[in-house]
């Protein structure tokens, strides 16, 4: 998963802009409840933000923040539910803080091959 938040702001006048780092922080905190509150423990799922990148100096609010992470589950129905809830969390926060966003979901298929070694 990849999420990009886009805004405009200035650290010297934070009241004139919106800080995407604050929004990203709120999103990370909120999505921690998706699996624990909306997915059955029997369905085994995880969603994690594993990378956040924004800005390139200490005194300017960045114009964008990129968050990346992973979502794993064994059931397509659970995957779709998590995606829907994640998108809703992002939509709610970006609307509240007047920001734009883009979500990119990449599907990676992992193929596990089991081999049995035969002794002759």
Protein backbone atom coordinates (compact mmCIF):
# COMPACT_ATOMS: atom_id res chain seq x y z
CA UNK A 1 0.00 0.00 0.00
CA UNK A 2 1.18 3.50 -0.70
CA UNK A 3 -0.55 6.69 0.46
CA UNK A 4 0.42 10.20 -0.59
CA UNK A 5 -0.96 13.24 1.28
CA UNK A 6 -0.57 16.61 -0.44
CA UNK A 7 -0.98 20.06 1.14
CA UNK A 8 0.64 23.44 1.39
CA UNK A 9 2.01 24.98 4.54
CA UNK A 10 4.77 26.95 6.22
CA UNK A 11 6.25 26.21 9.63
CA UNK A 12 6.47 29.93 10.47
CA UNK A 13 2.74 30.34 9.85
CA UNK A 14 1.13 26.96 10.55
CA UNK A 15 -2.30 28.58 10.79
CA UNK A 16 -2.10 29.29 7.04
CA UNK A 17 -1.64 25.68 5.99
CA UNK A 18 -2.19 22.10 7.00
CA UNK A 19 0.57 19.82 8.15
CA UNK A 20 0.54 16.45 6.35
CA UNK A 21 2.77 14.97 9.06
CA UNK A 22 0.04 15.56 11.64
CA UNK A 23 -2.53 13.99 9.31
CA UNK A 24 -0.28 10.99 8.62
CA UNK A 25 0.19 10.51 12.37
CA UNK A 26 -3.56 10.50 12.93
CA UNK A 27 -4.04 7.98 10.13
CA UNK A 28 -1.37 5.63 11.50
CA UNK A 29 -2.96 5.74 14.95
CA UNK A 30 -6.46 5.13 13.61
CA UNK A 31 -5.67 2.22 11.31
CA UNK A 32 -4.28 0.28 14.25
CA UNK A 33 -7.89 -0.38 15.23
CA UNK A 34 -9.02 -1.75 11.86
CA UNK A 35 -7.86 -5.33 12.40
CA UNK A 36 -8.46 -5.43 16.15
CA UNK A 37 -12.02 -4.09 15.93
CA UNK A 38 -13.33 -5.03 12.49
CA UNK A 39 -11.70 -8.36 11.60
CA UNK A 40 -12.36 -11.64 13.36
CA UNK A 41 -9.28 -13.15 15.03
CA UNK A 42 -10.08 -16.34 13.12
CA UNK A 43 -9.48 -14.50 9.83
CA UNK A 44 -5.83 -13.60 10.54
CA UNK A 45 -5.02 -10.17 9.10
CA UNK A 46 -2.48 -7.41 9.57
CA UNK A 47 -2.08 -3.85 8.35
CA UNK A 48 1.11 -1.95 9.13
CA UNK A 49 2.65 1.36 8.12
CA UNK A 50 6.34 0.64 7.71
CA UNK A 51 7.63 3.84 6.13
CA UNK A 52 6.76 7.55 6.36
CA UNK A 53 8.62 10.19 4.37
CA UNK A 54 7.99 13.93 4.26
CA UNK A 55 9.94 17.12 4.00
CA UNK A 56 13.62 17.78 3.59
CA UNK A 57 14.44 20.39 6.22
CA UNK A 58 13.65 21.17 9.85
CA UNK A 59 11.79 24.48 9.48
CA UNK A 60 9.31 24.00 6.63
CA UNK A 61 6.06 22.08 6.72
CA UNK A 62 6.34 19.62 3.83
CA UNK A 63 3.98 19.89 0.89
CA UNK A 64 3.51 16.14 0.89
CA UNK A 65 4.01 13.01 2.95
CA UNK A 66 4.25 9.49 1.60
CA UNK A 67 3.31 6.54 3.79
CA UNK A 68 3.98 2.96 2.78
CA UNK A 69 3.08 -0.30 4.39
CA UNK A 70 1.61 -3.71 4.03
CA UNK A 71 -1.69 -5.48 4.45
CA UNK A 72 -1.87 -9.26 4.62
CA UNK A 73 -4.72 -11.68 4.91
CA UNK A 74 -5.75 -15.04 3.55
CA UNK A 75 -9.30 -14.15 2.52
CA UNK A 76 -10.26 -11.86 -0.34
CA UNK A 77 -13.35 -10.67 1.58
CA UNK A 78 -11.21 -9.60 4.54
CA UNK A 79 -8.76 -7.88 2.19
CA UNK A 80 -11.57 -5.88 0.59
CA UNK A 81 -13.01 -4.92 3.99
CA UNK A 82 -9.62 -3.69 5.24
CA UNK A 83 -9.09 -1.68 2.04
CA UNK A 84 -12.52 -0.09 2.42
CA UNK A 85 -11.96 0.82 6.09
CA UNK A 86 -8.46 2.14 5.38
CA UNK A 87 -9.79 4.35 2.57
CA UNK A 88 -12.55 5.65 4.85
CA UNK A 89 -10.04 6.59 7.58
CA UNK A 90 -7.86 8.40 5.05
CA UNK A 91 -10.85 10.19 3.49
CA UNK A 92 -12.14 11.34 6.87
CA UNK A 93 -8.81 12.80 8.03
CA UNK A 94 -7.90 14.42 4.72
CA UNK A 95 -11.32 16.07 4.48
CA UNK A 96 -11.07 17.29 8.07
CA UNK A 97 -7.61 18.79 7.45
CA UNK A 98 -8.39 19.99 3.89
CA UNK A 99 -5.80 17.86 2.15
CA UNK A 100 -5.64 15.76 -0.99
CA UNK A 101 -4.66 12.11 -1.06
CA UNK A 102 -3.88 9.25 -3.35
CA UNK A 103 -3.93 5.57 -2.35
CA UNK A 104 -2.08 2.99 -4.41
CA UNK A 105 -2.57 -0.68 -3.64
CA UNK A 106 -0.01 -3.03 -5.14
CA UNK A 107 -0.71 -6.74 -5.16
CA UNK A 108 2.24 -9.03 -4.65
CA UNK A 109 1.74 -12.72 -5.12
CA UNK A 110 4.13 -14.86 -3.17
CA UNK A 111 4.57 -18.37 -4.43
CA UNK A 112 5.77 -20.89 -1.93
CA UNK A 113 7.12 -24.11 -3.35
CA UNK A 114 7.50 -27.10 -1.08
CA UNK A 115 9.79 -29.87 -2.19
CA UNK A 116 10.26 -33.24 -0.67
CA UNK A 117 13.78 -34.52 -0.84
CA UNK A 118 13.95 -38.20 -1.63
CA UNK A 119 16.84 -40.22 -0.40
CA UNK A 120 18.10 -42.90 -2.69
